Amino acid sequence: MLDYLQKAKQYLWIFVEIGFLTVISVILIYLILGPDSSGVFVSGVADNVLKFAAAIPAQSLVGLALVLALVVLLTNRMR
């Protein structure tokens, strides 16, 4: 049973990574081609990402950056 859960966790993590890389690739296409010639889908995704980023308060971003830095430092010390 634990092997099944481990495999499911692995597949879900791969799915999340693919989704993240897709969004990053679409944003890169948007930045390279510009808003006029990037297409409807790319412009829609870029608009949604920009709206999401604008809705996040600055304090939350600072807190998230601090937690991420702490995790990286602790991970490097454990090695």
C-alpha atoms as a PDB file:
ATOM      1  CA  MET A   1       0.000   0.000   0.000  1.00  0.00           C
ATOM      2  CA  LEU A   2       2.820   2.411   0.823  1.00  0.00           C
ATOM      3  CA  ASP A   3       4.456   1.667  -2.520  1.00  0.00           C
ATOM      4  CA  TYR A   4       1.218   2.627  -4.269  1.00  0.00           C
ATOM      5  CA  LEU A   5       1.041   5.896  -2.341  1.00  0.00           C
ATOM      6  CA  GLN A   6       4.679   6.649  -3.103  1.00  0.00           C
ATOM      7  CA  LYS A   7       4.111   6.072  -6.830  1.00  0.00           C
ATOM      8  CA  ALA A   8       0.954   8.206  -6.764  1.00  0.00           C
ATOM      9  CA  LYS A   9       2.896  10.985  -5.024  1.00  0.00           C
ATOM     10  CA  GLN A  10       5.629  10.734  -7.651  1.00  0.00           C
ATOM     11  CA  TYR A  11       3.149  10.929 -10.537  1.00  0.00           C
ATOM     12  CA  LEU A  12       1.331  13.874  -8.976  1.00  0.00           C
ATOM     13  CA  TRP A  13       4.600  15.730  -8.441  1.00  0.00           C
ATOM     14  CA  ILE A  14       5.576  15.122 -12.081  1.00  0.00           C
ATOM     15  CA  PHE A  15       2.160  16.456 -13.148  1.00  0.00           C
ATOM     16  CA  VAL A  16       2.689  19.603 -11.046  1.00  0.00           C
ATOM     17  CA  GLU A  17       6.144  20.131 -12.541  1.00  0.00           C
ATOM     18  CA  ILE A  18       4.805  19.756 -16.089  1.00  0.00           C
ATOM     19  CA  GLY A  19       2.021  22.251 -15.350  1.00  0.00           C
ATOM     20  CA  PHE A  20       4.473  24.742 -13.856  1.00  0.00           C
ATOM     21  CA  LEU A  21       6.832  24.407 -16.828  1.00  0.00           C
ATOM     22  CA  THR A  22       3.898  24.898 -19.200  1.00  0.00           C
ATOM     23  CA  VAL A  23       2.856  28.131 -17.502  1.00  0.00           C
ATOM     24  CA  ILE A  24       6.452  29.386 -17.457  1.00  0.00           C
ATOM     25  CA  SER A  25       6.836  28.522 -21.157  1.00  0.00           C
ATOM     26  CA  VAL A  26       3.620  30.363 -22.051  1.00  0.00           C
ATOM     27  CA  ILE A  27       4.781  33.435 -20.121  1.00  0.00           C
ATOM     28  CA  LEU A  28       8.135  33.293 -21.918  1.00  0.00           C
ATOM     29  CA  ILE A  29       6.368  33.127 -25.296  1.00  0.00           C
ATOM     30  CA  TYR A  30       4.242  36.101 -24.247  1.00  0.00           C
ATOM     31  CA  LEU A  31       7.337  38.098 -23.293  1.00  0.00           C
ATOM     32  CA  ILE A  32       9.161  37.237 -26.514  1.00  0.00           C
ATOM     33  CA  LEU A  33       6.307  37.793 -28.972  1.00  0.00           C
ATOM     34  CA  GLY A  34       4.507  40.597 -27.170  1.00  0.00           C
ATOM     35  CA  PRO A  35       0.808  41.009 -26.418  1.00  0.00           C
ATOM     36  CA  ASP A  36      -0.268  41.594 -30.019  1.00  0.00           C
ATOM     37  CA  SER A  37       1.231  38.626 -31.840  1.00  0.00           C
ATOM     38  CA  SER A  38       1.323  35.968 -29.120  1.00  0.00           C
ATOM     39  CA  GLY A  39      -2.169  34.599 -29.713  1.00  0.00           C
ATOM     40  CA  VAL A  40      -5.380  34.391 -27.738  1.00  0.00           C
ATOM     41  CA  PHE A  41      -4.422  31.465 -25.500  1.00  0.00           C
ATOM     42  CA  VAL A  42      -1.024  32.851 -24.562  1.00  0.00           C
ATOM     43  CA  SER A  43      -2.474  36.310 -23.891  1.00  0.00           C
ATOM     44  CA  GLY A  44      -5.232  34.803 -21.761  1.00  0.00           C
ATOM     45  CA  VAL A  45      -2.805  32.790 -19.658  1.00  0.00           C
ATOM     46  CA  ALA A  46      -0.496  35.786 -19.266  1.00  0.00           C
ATOM     47  CA  ASP A  47      -3.411  38.017 -18.222  1.00  0.00           C
ATOM     48  CA  ASN A  48      -4.531  35.468 -15.635  1.00  0.00           C
ATOM     49  CA  VAL A  49      -1.010  35.140 -14.214  1.00  0.00           C
ATOM     50  CA  LEU A  50      -0.644  38.930 -14.031  1.00  0.00           C
ATOM     51  CA  LYS A  51      -4.027  39.282 -12.290  1.00  0.00           C
ATOM     52  CA  PHE A  52      -3.076  36.567  -9.806  1.00  0.00           C
ATOM     53  CA  ALA A  53       0.297  38.195  -9.107  1.00  0.00           C
ATOM     54  CA  ALA A  54      -1.332  41.603  -8.630  1.00  0.00           C
ATOM     55  CA  ALA A  55      -3.849  40.179  -6.144  1.00  0.00           C
ATOM     56  CA  ILE A  56      -1.169  38.797  -3.816  1.00  0.00           C
ATOM     57  CA  PRO A  57      -0.224  41.306  -1.103  1.00  0.00           C
ATOM     58  CA  ALA A  58       3.443  42.287  -0.832  1.00  0.00           C
ATOM     59  CA  GLN A  59       3.630  41.042   2.758  1.00  0.00           C
ATOM     60  CA  SER A  60       2.659  37.556   1.637  1.00  0.00           C
ATOM     61  CA  LEU A  61       5.381  37.529  -1.000  1.00  0.00           C
ATOM     62  CA  VAL A  62       7.991  38.618   1.537  1.00  0.00           C
ATOM     63  CA  GLY A  63       6.831  35.938   3.971  1.00  0.00           C
ATOM     64  CA  LEU A  64       6.900  33.286   1.271  1.00  0.00           C
ATOM     65  CA  ALA A  65      10.411  34.349   0.226  1.00  0.00           C
ATOM     66  CA  LEU A  66      11.618  34.145   3.843  1.00  0.00           C
ATOM     67  CA  VAL A  67      10.143  30.672   4.331  1.00  0.00           C
ATOM     68  CA  LEU A  68      11.657  29.488   1.046  1.00  0.00           C
ATOM     69  CA  ALA A  69      15.067  30.887   1.996  1.00  0.00           C
ATOM     70  CA  LEU A  70      14.846  29.167   5.379  1.00  0.00           C
ATOM     71  CA  VAL A  71      13.985  25.840   3.743  1.00  0.00           C
ATOM     72  CA  VAL A  72      16.913  26.161   1.331  1.00  0.00           C
ATOM     73  CA  LEU A  73      19.332  27.014   4.150  1.00  0.00           C
ATOM     74  CA  LEU A  74      18.146  24.099   6.298  1.00  0.00           C
ATOM     75  CA  THR A  75      18.305  21.699   3.372  1.00  0.00           C
ATOM     76  CA  ASN A  76      21.879  22.743   2.583  1.00  0.00           C
ATOM     77  CA  ARG A  77      22.904  22.297   6.221  1.00  0.00           C
ATOM     78  CA  MET A  78      21.424  18.806   6.397  1.00  0.00           C
ATOM     79  CA  ARG A  79      23.587  17.609   3.492  1.00  0.00           C
END
